[in-house]
Each structure stands twice: as C-alpha cells, then as structure tokens.
Amino acid sequence: GQITDTLDRVEFVDPETGERTAPKQALENLAKQADKDIKEHKDIH
C-alpha cells in the first residue's frame, strides 16, 4: 500500500541495535496526511 511504500523510503537502520525503524517525525507526518485524506474524502461524499 501507499503508506507501506512511504515507510520503506524513510526507514533507517539503528547503528547500535541493527533494528530497522522509521523516524518518529515521519510517522507523525504520515498520520497527519492520513487524517487530512480522510477528511477530504468525507467532504466529497
């Protein structure tokens, strides 16, 4: 999906743990964009 593709692009590997994570700010931006899309779709219907 679109959100997964975006997460893959912003994903980075923590040099200390080797864990693959997405920056918190990027996740917050995705959430805001999703909320905006939902509101716009509600306005259309």
Protein backbone atom coordinates (compact mmCIF):
# COMPACT_ATOMS: atom_id res chain seq x y z
CA GLY A 1 0.00 0.00 0.00
CA GLN A 2 0.89 3.68 -0.20
CA ILE A 3 1.72 4.05 3.49
CA THR A 4 3.96 0.97 3.48
CA ASP A 5 5.87 2.27 0.45
CA THR A 6 6.43 5.59 2.22
CA LEU A 7 7.63 3.85 5.38
CA ASP A 8 10.09 1.81 3.33
CA ARG A 9 11.56 5.01 1.92
CA VAL A 10 12.05 6.72 5.28
CA GLU A 11 13.18 3.57 7.08
CA PHE A 12 16.67 3.53 8.56
CA VAL A 13 18.77 1.02 10.46
CA ASP A 14 19.82 1.88 14.01
CA PRO A 15 23.63 1.54 14.03
CA GLU A 16 23.66 0.33 17.63
CA THR A 17 20.91 -2.29 17.58
CA GLY A 18 20.70 -3.07 13.86
CA GLU A 19 16.94 -2.66 14.08
CA ARG A 20 15.13 -1.22 11.10
CA THR A 21 12.96 1.68 12.25
CA ALA A 22 11.11 4.65 10.84
CA PRO A 23 11.75 8.11 12.30
CA LYS A 24 9.04 9.23 14.71
CA GLN A 25 8.61 12.51 12.85
CA ALA A 26 7.99 10.68 9.59
CA LEU A 27 5.35 8.52 11.26
CA GLU A 28 3.64 11.61 12.69
CA ASN A 29 3.65 13.24 9.26
CA LEU A 30 2.07 10.11 7.76
CA ALA A 31 -0.64 10.17 10.42
CA LYS A 32 -1.40 13.83 9.72
CA GLN A 33 -1.56 13.17 5.97
CA ALA A 34 -3.88 10.21 6.53
CA ASP A 35 -6.20 12.32 8.69
CA LYS A 36 -6.20 15.02 6.02
CA ASP A 37 -7.05 12.49 3.29
CA ILE A 38 -9.89 11.04 5.38
CA LYS A 39 -11.41 14.48 5.99
CA GLU A 40 -11.17 15.37 2.30
CA HIS A 41 -12.87 12.12 1.30
CA LYS A 42 -15.66 12.77 3.81
CA ASP A 43 -16.20 16.21 2.28
CA ILE A 44 -16.54 14.66 -1.18
CA HIS A 45 -19.22 12.14 -0.20
